[in-house]
Amino acid sequence: MIFRCKVDGLDEIVWWILSMGPHCVVNKPPELADRVGELAAGIVSQYEKPQKVTGKKTATIKKSTRR
């Protein structure tokens, strides 16, 4: 499916695109593709670091200060 739309700025659509995860690829405009790619890479980097195993199964959520 190809979805096209006109928006007033990239901020209003970038988070919607990211919410689709791997089910969406931005082809144009290049600025939007770059921004989505950078944000997705930042998300991936949060999960690449090995986690300490303590015996307890807990989840830790750290709010990112990056924008």
PDB file of N, CA and C in Angstrom:
ATOM      1  N   MET A   1       0.841  -1.158   0.000  1.00  0.00           N
ATOM      2  CA  MET A   1       0.000   0.000   0.000  1.00  0.00           C
ATOM      3  C   MET A   1       0.896   1.235   0.000  1.00  0.00           C
ATOM      4  N   ILE A   2       0.562   2.194  -0.763  1.00  0.00           N
ATOM      5  CA  ILE A   2       1.256   3.468  -0.767  1.00  0.00           C
ATOM      6  C   ILE A   2       0.318   4.508  -0.168  1.00  0.00           C
ATOM      7  N   PHE A   3       0.806   5.202   0.837  1.00  0.00           N
ATOM      8  CA  PHE A   3       0.028   6.233   1.521  1.00  0.00           C
ATOM      9  C   PHE A   3       0.702   7.567   1.269  1.00  0.00           C
ATOM     10  N   ARG A   4      -0.042   8.522   0.772  1.00  0.00           N
ATOM     11  CA  ARG A   4       0.473   9.872   0.533  1.00  0.00           C
ATOM     12  C   ARG A   4      -0.410  10.862   1.255  1.00  0.00           C
ATOM     13  N   CYS A   5       0.236  11.887   1.819  1.00  0.00           N
ATOM     14  CA  CYS A   5      -0.533  12.935   2.484  1.00  0.00           C
ATOM     15  C   CYS A   5       0.287  14.209   2.530  1.00  0.00           C
ATOM     16  N   LYS A   6      -0.391  15.316   2.750  1.00  0.00           N
ATOM     17  CA  LYS A   6       0.266  16.601   2.945  1.00  0.00           C
ATOM     18  C   LYS A   6       0.136  16.953   4.414  1.00  0.00           C
ATOM     19  N   VAL A   7       1.259  17.363   5.005  1.00  0.00           N
ATOM     20  CA  VAL A   7       1.259  17.725   6.416  1.00  0.00           C
ATOM     21  C   VAL A   7       1.930  19.084   6.580  1.00  0.00           C
ATOM     22  N   ASP A   8       1.643  19.732   7.705  1.00  0.00           N
ATOM     23  CA  ASP A   8       2.233  21.035   7.984  1.00  0.00           C
ATOM     24  C   ASP A   8       3.669  20.936   8.472  1.00  0.00           C
ATOM     25  N   GLY A   9       4.077  19.761   8.902  1.00  0.00           N
ATOM     26  CA  GLY A   9       5.440  19.559   9.394  1.00  0.00           C
ATOM     27  C   GLY A   9       5.670  18.092   9.673  1.00  0.00           C
ATOM     28  N   LEU A  10       6.930  17.728   9.798  1.00  0.00           N
ATOM     29  CA  LEU A  10       7.264  16.318  10.011  1.00  0.00           C
ATOM     30  C   LEU A  10       6.875  15.834  11.403  1.00  0.00           C
ATOM     31  N   ASP A  11       6.889  16.724  12.394  1.00  0.00           N
ATOM     32  CA  ASP A  11       6.588  16.308  13.766  1.00  0.00           C
ATOM     33  C   ASP A  11       5.216  15.663  13.901  1.00  0.00           C
ATOM     34  N   GLU A  12       4.259  16.131  13.138  1.00  0.00           N
ATOM     35  CA  GLU A  12       2.903  15.600  13.309  1.00  0.00           C
ATOM     36  C   GLU A  12       2.730  14.196  12.731  1.00  0.00           C
ATOM     37  N   ILE A  13       3.659  13.727  11.908  1.00  0.00           N
ATOM     38  CA  ILE A  13       3.495  12.398  11.310  1.00  0.00           C
ATOM     39  C   ILE A  13       4.571  11.406  11.730  1.00  0.00           C
ATOM     40  N   VAL A  14       5.715  11.884  12.217  1.00  0.00           N
ATOM     41  CA  VAL A  14       6.822  10.982  12.522  1.00  0.00           C
ATOM     42  C   VAL A  14       6.442   9.955  13.596  1.00  0.00           C
ATOM     43  N   TRP A  15       5.722  10.376  14.623  1.00  0.00           N
ATOM     44  CA  TRP A  15       5.355   9.439  15.697  1.00  0.00           C
ATOM     45  C   TRP A  15       4.297   8.441  15.236  1.00  0.00           C
ATOM     46  N   TRP A  16       3.444   8.867  14.353  1.00  0.00           N
ATOM     47  CA  TRP A  16       2.450   7.951  13.789  1.00  0.00           C
ATOM     48  C   TRP A  16       3.152   6.861  12.984  1.00  0.00           C
ATOM     49  N   ILE A  17       4.147   7.258  12.207  1.00  0.00           N
ATOM     50  CA  ILE A  17       4.915   6.285  11.421  1.00  0.00           C
ATOM     51  C   ILE A  17       5.636   5.319  12.347  1.00  0.00           C
ATOM     52  N   LEU A  18       6.295   5.842  13.387  1.00  0.00           N
ATOM     53  CA  LEU A  18       7.014   4.978  14.319  1.00  0.00           C
ATOM     54  C   LEU A  18       6.082   4.008  15.035  1.00  0.00           C
ATOM     55  N   SER A  19       4.827   4.395  15.234  1.00  0.00           N
ATOM     56  CA  SER A  19       3.886   3.504  15.911  1.00  0.00           C
ATOM     57  C   SER A  19       3.591   2.253  15.096  1.00  0.00           C
ATOM     58  N   MET A  20       3.867   2.298  13.813  1.00  0.00           N
ATOM     59  CA  MET A  20       3.647   1.134  12.955  1.00  0.00           C
ATOM     60  C   MET A  20       4.823   0.163  12.976  1.00  0.00           C
ATOM     61  N   GLY A  21       5.901   0.560  13.633  1.00  0.00           N
ATOM     62  CA  GLY A  21       7.061  -0.322  13.774  1.00  0.00           C
ATOM     63  C   GLY A  21       7.580  -0.807  12.436  1.00  0.00           C
ATOM     64  N   PRO A  22       7.866  -2.092  12.334  1.00  0.00           N
ATOM     65  CA  PRO A  22       8.465  -2.632  11.114  1.00  0.00           C
ATOM     66  C   PRO A  22       7.475  -2.789   9.956  1.00  0.00           C
ATOM     67  N   HIS A  23       6.240  -2.369  10.162  1.00  0.00           N
ATOM     68  CA  HIS A  23       5.224  -2.531   9.119  1.00  0.00           C
ATOM     69  C   HIS A  23       5.126  -1.316   8.202  1.00  0.00           C
ATOM     70  N   CYS A  24       6.068  -0.394   8.335  1.00  0.00           N
ATOM     71  CA  CYS A  24       6.015   0.839   7.560  1.00  0.00           C
ATOM     72  C   CYS A  24       7.420   1.228   7.121  1.00  0.00           C
ATOM     73  N   VAL A  25       7.550   1.675   5.876  1.00  0.00           N
ATOM     74  CA  VAL A  25       8.821   2.176   5.350  1.00  0.00           C
ATOM     75  C   VAL A  25       8.555   3.528   4.706  1.00  0.00           C
ATOM     76  N   VAL A  26       9.349   4.527   5.074  1.00  0.00           N
ATOM     77  CA  VAL A  26       9.213   5.851   4.485  1.00  0.00           C
ATOM     78  C   VAL A  26      10.128   5.932   3.268  1.00  0.00           C
ATOM     79  N   ASN A  27       9.568   6.245   2.125  1.00  0.00           N
ATOM     80  CA  ASN A  27      10.343   6.405   0.904  1.00  0.00           C
ATOM     81  C   ASN A  27      10.641   7.873   0.611  1.00  0.00           C
ATOM     82  N   LYS A  28       9.666   8.720   0.813  1.00  0.00           N
ATOM     83  CA  LYS A  28       9.815  10.150   0.546  1.00  0.00           C
ATOM     84  C   LYS A  28       9.063  10.923   1.602  1.00  0.00           C
ATOM     85  N   PRO A  29       9.434  12.083   1.920  1.00  0.00           N
ATOM     86  CA  PRO A  29      10.629  12.810   1.520  1.00  0.00           C
ATOM     87  C   PRO A  29      11.843  12.282   2.282  1.00  0.00           C
ATOM     88  N   PRO A  30      13.037  12.496   1.769  1.00  0.00           N
ATOM     89  CA  PRO A  30      14.249  11.990   2.420  1.00  0.00           C
ATOM     90  C   PRO A  30      14.421  12.500   3.850  1.00  0.00           C
ATOM     91  N   GLU A  31      13.978  13.739   4.114  1.00  0.00           N
ATOM     92  CA  GLU A  31      14.101  14.291   5.470  1.00  0.00           C
ATOM     93  C   GLU A  31      13.289  13.474   6.477  1.00  0.00           C
ATOM     94  N   LEU A  32      12.105  13.041   6.057  1.00  0.00           N
ATOM     95  CA  LEU A  32      11.264  12.232   6.938  1.00  0.00           C
ATOM     96  C   LEU A  32      11.863  10.844   7.109  1.00  0.00           C
ATOM     97  N   ALA A  33      12.341  10.253   6.030  1.00  0.00           N
ATOM     98  CA  ALA A  33      12.982   8.933   6.109  1.00  0.00           C
ATOM     99  C   ALA A  33      14.187   8.986   7.046  1.00  0.00           C
ATOM    100  N   ASP A  34      14.984  10.056   6.951  1.00  0.00           N
ATOM    101  CA  ASP A  34      16.156  10.202   7.817  1.00  0.00           C
ATOM    102  C   ASP A  34      15.755  10.334   9.280  1.00  0.00           C
ATOM    103  N   ARG A  35      14.743  11.153   9.544  1.00  0.00           N
ATOM    104  CA  ARG A  35      14.305  11.363  10.931  1.00  0.00           C
ATOM    105  C   ARG A  35      13.759  10.079  11.540  1.00  0.00           C
ATOM    106  N   VAL A  36      12.943   9.355  10.791  1.00  0.00           N
ATOM    107  CA  VAL A  36      12.395   8.090  11.289  1.00  0.00           C
ATOM    108  C   VAL A  36      13.535   7.094  11.524  1.00  0.00           C
ATOM    109  N   GLY A  37      14.489   7.040  10.598  1.00  0.00           N
ATOM    110  CA  GLY A  37      15.629   6.138  10.751  1.00  0.00           C
ATOM    111  C   GLY A  37      16.469   6.460  11.974  1.00  0.00           C
ATOM    112  N   GLU A  38      16.716   7.738  12.214  1.00  0.00           N
ATOM    113  CA  GLU A  38      17.498   8.144  13.384  1.00  0.00           C
ATOM    114  C   GLU A  38      16.783   7.796  14.686  1.00  0.00           C
ATOM    115  N   LEU A  39      15.492   8.057  14.742  1.00  0.00           N
ATOM    116  CA  LEU A  39      14.734   7.736  15.954  1.00  0.00           C
ATOM    117  C   LEU A  39      14.659   6.223  16.169  1.00  0.00           C
ATOM    118  N   ALA A  40      14.456   5.468  15.109  1.00  0.00           N
ATOM    119  CA  ALA A  40      14.399   4.011  15.222  1.00  0.00           C
ATOM    120  C   ALA A  40      15.751   3.459  15.680  1.00  0.00           C
ATOM    121  N   ALA A  41      16.842   4.012  15.159  1.00  0.00           N
ATOM    122  CA  ALA A  41      18.178   3.576  15.582  1.00  0.00           C
ATOM    123  C   ALA A  41      18.396   3.870  17.065  1.00  0.00           C
ATOM    124  N   GLY A  42      17.886   5.014  17.528  1.00  0.00           N
ATOM    125  CA  GLY A  42      17.989   5.340  18.941  1.00  0.00           C
ATOM    126  C   GLY A  42      17.234   4.357  19.816  1.00  0.00           C
ATOM    127  N   ILE A  43      16.078   3.934  19.345  1.00  0.00           N
ATOM    128  CA  ILE A  43      15.290   2.942  20.084  1.00  0.00           C
ATOM    129  C   ILE A  43      16.050   1.623  20.147  1.00  0.00           C
ATOM    130  N   VAL A  44      16.585   1.193  19.018  1.00  0.00           N
ATOM    131  CA  VAL A  44      17.339  -0.062  18.970  1.00  0.00           C
ATOM    132  C   VAL A  44      18.541  -0.004  19.911  1.00  0.00           C
ATOM    133  N   SER A  45      19.237   1.123  19.927  1.00  0.00           N
ATOM    134  CA  SER A  45      20.434   1.232  20.771  1.00  0.00           C
ATOM    135  C   SER A  45      20.104   1.092  22.258  1.00  0.00           C
ATOM    136  N   GLN A  46      18.879   1.428  22.652  1.00  0.00           N
ATOM    137  CA  GLN A  46      18.469   1.267  24.047  1.00  0.00           C
ATOM    138  C   GLN A  46      18.407  -0.204  24.456  1.00  0.00           C
ATOM    139  N   TYR A  47      18.232  -1.100  23.494  1.00  0.00           N
ATOM    140  CA  TYR A  47      18.064  -2.521  23.772  1.00  0.00           C
ATOM    141  C   TYR A  47      19.285  -3.350  23.415  1.00  0.00           C
ATOM    142  N   GLU A  48      20.326  -2.748  22.867  1.00  0.00           N
ATOM    143  CA  GLU A  48      21.519  -3.493  22.476  1.00  0.00           C
ATOM    144  C   GLU A  48      22.438  -3.808  23.652  1.00  0.00           C
ATOM    145  N   LYS A  49      22.359  -3.046  24.721  1.00  0.00           N
ATOM    146  CA  LYS A  49      23.239  -3.256  25.864  1.00  0.00           C
ATOM    147  C   LYS A  49      22.783  -4.479  26.649  1.00  0.00           C
ATOM    148  N   PRO A  50      23.736  -5.328  27.050  1.00  0.00           N
ATOM    149  CA  PRO A  50      23.350  -6.504  27.840  1.00  0.00           C
ATOM    150  C   PRO A  50      22.789  -6.080  29.199  1.00  0.00           C
ATOM    151  N   GLN A  51      21.769  -6.761  29.636  1.00  0.00           N
ATOM    152  CA  GLN A  51      21.128  -6.480  30.917  1.00  0.00           C
ATOM    153  C   GLN A  51      21.706  -7.396  31.987  1.00  0.00           C
ATOM    154  N   LYS A  52      21.795  -6.889  33.229  1.00  0.00           N
ATOM    155  CA  LYS A  52      22.223  -7.729  34.345  1.00  0.00           C
ATOM    156  C   LYS A  52      21.125  -8.727  34.679  1.00  0.00           C
ATOM    157  N   VAL A  53      21.513  -9.950  34.957  1.00  0.00           N
ATOM    158  CA  VAL A  53      20.554 -10.970  35.357  1.00  0.00           C
ATOM    159  C   VAL A  53      20.662 -11.120  36.864  1.00  0.00           C
ATOM    160  N   THR A  54      19.550 -10.901  37.580  1.00  0.00           N
ATOM    161  CA  THR A  54      19.571 -10.926  39.042  1.00  0.00           C
ATOM    162  C   THR A  54      18.764 -12.077  39.628  1.00  0.00           C
ATOM    163  N   GLY A  55      18.111 -12.841  38.816  1.00  0.00           N
ATOM    164  CA  GLY A  55      17.277 -13.914  39.334  1.00  0.00           C
ATOM    165  C   GLY A  55      15.817 -13.517  39.429  1.00  0.00           C
ATOM    166  N   LYS A  56      15.548 -12.225  39.605  1.00  0.00           N
ATOM    167  CA  LYS A  56      14.180 -11.732  39.639  1.00  0.00           C
ATOM    168  C   LYS A  56      13.796 -11.295  38.242  1.00  0.00           C
ATOM    169  N   LYS A  57      12.559 -11.529  37.894  1.00  0.00           N
ATOM    170  CA  LYS A  57      12.055 -11.081  36.602  1.00  0.00           C
ATOM    171  C   LYS A  57      11.356  -9.747  36.809  1.00  0.00           C
ATOM    172  N   THR A  58      12.050  -8.677  36.453  1.00  0.00           N
ATOM    173  CA  THR A  58      11.472  -7.355  36.588  1.00  0.00           C
ATOM    174  C   THR A  58      11.701  -6.578  35.301  1.00  0.00           C
ATOM    175  N   ALA A  59      10.895  -5.606  35.108  1.00  0.00           N
ATOM    176  CA  ALA A  59      11.048  -4.715  33.952  1.00  0.00           C
ATOM    177  C   ALA A  59      11.423  -3.342  34.469  1.00  0.00           C
ATOM    178  N   THR A  60      12.367  -2.724  33.796  1.00  0.00           N
ATOM    179  CA  THR A  60      12.761  -1.367  34.138  1.00  0.00           C
ATOM    180  C   THR A  60      12.529  -0.501  32.946  1.00  0.00           C
ATOM    181  N   ILE A  61      11.841   0.602  33.151  1.00  0.00           N
ATOM    182  CA  ILE A  61      11.576   1.543  32.061  1.00  0.00           C
ATOM    183  C   ILE A  61      12.260   2.843  32.423  1.00  0.00           C
ATOM    184  N   LYS A  62      13.128   3.286  31.538  1.00  0.00           N
ATOM    185  CA  LYS A  62      13.844   4.532  31.743  1.00  0.00           C
ATOM    186  C   LYS A  62      13.342   5.534  30.712  1.00  0.00           C
ATOM    187  N   LYS A  63      12.887   6.665  31.208  1.00  0.00           N
ATOM    188  CA  LYS A  63      12.406   7.704  30.298  1.00  0.00           C
ATOM    189  C   LYS A  63      13.599   8.362  29.633  1.00  0.00           C
ATOM    190  N   SER A  64      13.580   8.389  28.315  1.00  0.00           N
ATOM    191  CA  SER A  64      14.661   8.993  27.571  1.00  0.00           C
ATOM    192  C   SER A  64      14.543  10.512  27.617  1.00  0.00           C
ATOM    193  N   THR A  65      15.677  11.176  27.734  1.00  0.00           N
ATOM    194  CA  THR A  65      15.676  12.635  27.719  1.00  0.00           C
ATOM    195  C   THR A  65      15.984  13.163  26.332  1.00  0.00           C
ATOM    196  N   ARG A  66      16.231  12.253  25.382  1.00  0.00           N
ATOM    197  CA  ARG A  66      16.522  12.637  23.995  1.00  0.00           C
ATOM    198  C   ARG A  66      15.264  13.019  23.266  1.00  0.00           C
ATOM    199  N   ARG A  67      15.325  14.032  22.466  1.00  0.00           N
ATOM    200  CA  ARG A  67      14.185  14.419  21.624  1.00  0.00           C
ATOM    201  C   ARG A  67      14.650  14.757  20.272  1.00  0.00           C
TER     202      ARG A  67
END
